[in-house]
Amino acid sequence: MTEKTFTEALGDLQNAAGEIGKQTVSLEESMKLFEKGMKDAEYCNGILDDAEQKIEIYDKNGEDDAE
C-alpha cells in the first residue's frame, strides 16, 4: 500500500468531519470517523512539521550564505 499524500489525508479528514457534522451517522460510526480523522490529522501535522524543519534549515543556510 502506498502512503497518502498530504492532500489526500487532508481531504479524508475534511470528509470525516463533514460526515460527523451531518449527524446522520450512528455514534459508533461517528467514533470510527473521529479516530480515523485523528490519524489523518496526526499524519498531516507530521508532514507540516517536517516541512517547517526543512524551511528553517534552508533559511539558516541562506543566512549563512549572505554573510
N, C-alpha and C. Protein backbone atom coordinates (compact mmCIF):
# COMPACT_ATOMS: atom_id res chain seq x y z
N MET A 1 0.84 -1.18 0.00
CA MET A 1 0.00 0.00 0.00
C MET A 1 0.88 1.25 0.00
N THR A 2 0.53 2.20 -0.83
CA THR A 2 1.32 3.42 -0.90
C THR A 2 0.86 4.41 0.16
N GLU A 3 1.77 5.28 0.53
CA GLU A 3 1.47 6.29 1.52
C GLU A 3 0.58 7.37 0.91
N LYS A 4 -0.30 7.93 1.71
CA LYS A 4 -1.16 9.01 1.26
C LYS A 4 -0.35 10.27 1.07
N THR A 5 -0.84 11.12 0.18
CA THR A 5 -0.26 12.45 0.09
C THR A 5 -0.91 13.32 1.16
N PHE A 6 -0.30 14.47 1.40
CA PHE A 6 -0.87 15.42 2.35
C PHE A 6 -2.29 15.79 1.91
N THR A 7 -2.46 16.05 0.63
CA THR A 7 -3.76 16.47 0.10
C THR A 7 -4.81 15.38 0.29
N GLU A 8 -4.44 14.13 0.06
CA GLU A 8 -5.38 13.02 0.26
C GLU A 8 -5.78 12.90 1.73
N ALA A 9 -4.81 12.97 2.62
CA ALA A 9 -5.09 12.85 4.06
C ALA A 9 -5.96 14.01 4.54
N LEU A 10 -5.66 15.21 4.06
CA LEU A 10 -6.46 16.37 4.44
C LEU A 10 -7.89 16.24 3.90
N GLY A 11 -8.03 15.75 2.69
CA GLY A 11 -9.36 15.52 2.12
C GLY A 11 -10.14 14.50 2.92
N ASP A 12 -9.47 13.41 3.32
CA ASP A 12 -10.13 12.40 4.15
C ASP A 12 -10.57 12.98 5.49
N LEU A 13 -9.72 13.82 6.06
CA LEU A 13 -10.05 14.47 7.32
C LEU A 13 -11.27 15.38 7.16
N GLN A 14 -11.30 16.14 6.10
CA GLN A 14 -12.44 17.02 5.83
C GLN A 14 -13.73 16.22 5.60
N ASN A 15 -13.60 15.10 4.88
CA ASN A 15 -14.77 14.25 4.65
C ASN A 15 -15.31 13.66 5.95
N ALA A 16 -14.40 13.21 6.80
CA ALA A 16 -14.82 12.64 8.08
C ALA A 16 -15.53 13.69 8.92
N ALA A 17 -14.97 14.90 8.96
CA ALA A 17 -15.60 15.98 9.73
C ALA A 17 -16.98 16.31 9.16
N GLY A 18 -17.09 16.30 7.85
CA GLY A 18 -18.38 16.58 7.22
C GLY A 18 -19.42 15.53 7.55
N GLU A 19 -19.03 14.27 7.54
CA GLU A 19 -19.96 13.18 7.86
C GLU A 19 -20.42 13.28 9.32
N ILE A 20 -19.47 13.54 10.20
CA ILE A 20 -19.83 13.67 11.61
C ILE A 20 -20.75 14.87 11.80
N GLY A 21 -20.47 15.95 11.09
CA GLY A 21 -21.28 17.16 11.20
C GLY A 21 -22.71 17.00 10.71
N LYS A 22 -22.93 16.07 9.80
CA LYS A 22 -24.29 15.84 9.28
C LYS A 22 -25.21 15.24 10.33
N GLN A 23 -24.63 14.62 11.31
CA GLN A 23 -25.37 13.97 12.40
C GLN A 23 -26.35 12.91 11.89
N THR A 24 -26.03 12.30 10.75
CA THR A 24 -26.88 11.24 10.21
C THR A 24 -26.24 9.87 10.40
N VAL A 25 -25.05 9.84 10.97
CA VAL A 25 -24.38 8.56 11.22
C VAL A 25 -24.54 8.18 12.69
N SER A 26 -24.43 6.91 12.95
CA SER A 26 -24.58 6.43 14.33
C SER A 26 -23.40 6.90 15.18
N LEU A 27 -23.57 6.78 16.47
CA LEU A 27 -22.50 7.13 17.40
C LEU A 27 -21.26 6.28 17.12
N GLU A 28 -21.47 5.00 16.87
CA GLU A 28 -20.36 4.09 16.61
C GLU A 28 -19.60 4.52 15.35
N GLU A 29 -20.34 4.85 14.30
CA GLU A 29 -19.71 5.29 13.06
C GLU A 29 -19.02 6.63 13.26
N SER A 30 -19.62 7.50 14.04
CA SER A 30 -19.00 8.79 14.34
C SER A 30 -17.67 8.59 15.05
N MET A 31 -17.63 7.65 15.99
CA MET A 31 -16.39 7.37 16.71
C MET A 31 -15.32 6.82 15.77
N LYS A 32 -15.70 5.93 14.85
CA LYS A 32 -14.75 5.40 13.88
C LYS A 32 -14.21 6.52 12.99
N LEU A 33 -15.11 7.39 12.53
CA LEU A 33 -14.70 8.51 11.70
C LEU A 33 -13.77 9.45 12.46
N PHE A 34 -14.09 9.68 13.74
CA PHE A 34 -13.27 10.54 14.58
C PHE A 34 -11.87 9.96 14.74
N GLU A 35 -11.79 8.66 15.03
CA GLU A 35 -10.49 8.01 15.21
C GLU A 35 -9.66 8.07 13.92
N LYS A 36 -10.31 7.81 12.79
CA LYS A 36 -9.62 7.89 11.51
C LYS A 36 -9.19 9.33 11.24
N GLY A 37 -10.06 10.28 11.56
CA GLY A 37 -9.71 11.68 11.38
C GLY A 37 -8.52 12.10 12.22
N MET A 38 -8.44 11.59 13.43
CA MET A 38 -7.30 11.90 14.30
C MET A 38 -6.00 11.36 13.70
N LYS A 39 -6.05 10.17 13.13
CA LYS A 39 -4.86 9.60 12.48
C LYS A 39 -4.46 10.45 11.28
N ASP A 40 -5.46 10.87 10.49
CA ASP A 40 -5.16 11.73 9.34
C ASP A 40 -4.59 13.08 9.80
N ALA A 41 -5.13 13.62 10.88
CA ALA A 41 -4.63 14.90 11.41
C ALA A 41 -3.18 14.76 11.89
N GLU A 42 -2.87 13.68 12.57
CA GLU A 42 -1.50 13.43 13.03
C GLU A 42 -0.55 13.30 11.85
N TYR A 43 -1.00 12.60 10.82
CA TYR A 43 -0.20 12.41 9.61
C TYR A 43 0.08 13.76 8.96
N CYS A 44 -0.96 14.58 8.80
CA CYS A 44 -0.79 15.91 8.20
C CYS A 44 0.13 16.78 9.05
N ASN A 45 -0.03 16.74 10.35
CA ASN A 45 0.84 17.51 11.24
C ASN A 45 2.29 17.08 11.12
N GLY A 46 2.52 15.79 10.96
CA GLY A 46 3.88 15.29 10.77
C GLY A 46 4.50 15.83 9.49
N ILE A 47 3.74 15.85 8.42
CA ILE A 47 4.24 16.40 7.16
C ILE A 47 4.54 17.89 7.30
N LEU A 48 3.64 18.62 7.96
CA LEU A 48 3.85 20.05 8.16
C LEU A 48 5.07 20.32 9.04
N ASP A 49 5.26 19.51 10.09
CA ASP A 49 6.43 19.66 10.97
C ASP A 49 7.73 19.42 10.18
N ASP A 50 7.73 18.39 9.33
CA ASP A 50 8.91 18.11 8.51
C ASP A 50 9.20 19.28 7.57
N ALA A 51 8.16 19.80 6.96
CA ALA A 51 8.33 20.93 6.04
C ALA A 51 8.87 22.15 6.78
N GLU A 52 8.35 22.39 7.97
CA GLU A 52 8.81 23.54 8.77
C GLU A 52 10.30 23.40 9.10
N GLN A 53 10.71 22.19 9.47
CA GLN A 53 12.12 21.96 9.79
C GLN A 53 13.01 22.20 8.57
N LYS A 54 12.56 21.74 7.41
CA LYS A 54 13.35 21.93 6.19
C LYS A 54 13.45 23.42 5.85
N ILE A 55 12.35 24.14 6.01
CA ILE A 55 12.36 25.57 5.72
C ILE A 55 13.32 26.29 6.66
N GLU A 56 13.31 25.92 7.93
CA GLU A 56 14.22 26.53 8.89
C GLU A 56 15.68 26.26 8.52
N ILE A 57 15.96 25.05 8.07
CA ILE A 57 17.32 24.70 7.64
C ILE A 57 17.71 25.52 6.41
N TYR A 58 16.82 25.57 5.42
CA TYR A 58 17.10 26.35 4.21
C TYR A 58 17.28 27.82 4.54
N ASP A 59 16.44 28.32 5.44
CA ASP A 59 16.53 29.72 5.84
C ASP A 59 17.85 29.99 6.54
N LYS A 60 18.24 29.09 7.44
CA LYS A 60 19.51 29.25 8.16
C LYS A 60 20.68 29.19 7.18
N ASN A 61 20.64 28.27 6.24
CA ASN A 61 21.71 28.15 5.26
C ASN A 61 21.76 29.39 4.37
N GLY A 62 20.63 29.96 4.07
CA GLY A 62 20.58 31.17 3.27
C GLY A 62 21.19 32.35 4.00
N GLU A 63 20.95 32.41 5.30
CA GLU A 63 21.52 33.49 6.12
C GLU A 63 23.04 33.34 6.18
N ASP A 64 23.53 32.11 6.27
CA ASP A 64 24.97 31.87 6.31
C ASP A 64 25.63 32.30 4.99
N ASP A 65 24.95 32.05 3.88
CA ASP A 65 25.48 32.42 2.58
C ASP A 65 25.53 33.94 2.39
N ALA A 66 24.61 34.64 3.04
CA ALA A 66 24.52 36.09 2.88
C ALA A 66 25.63 36.80 3.65
N GLU A 67 26.22 36.14 4.60
CA GLU A 67 27.25 36.78 5.44
C GLU A 67 28.58 36.83 4.77
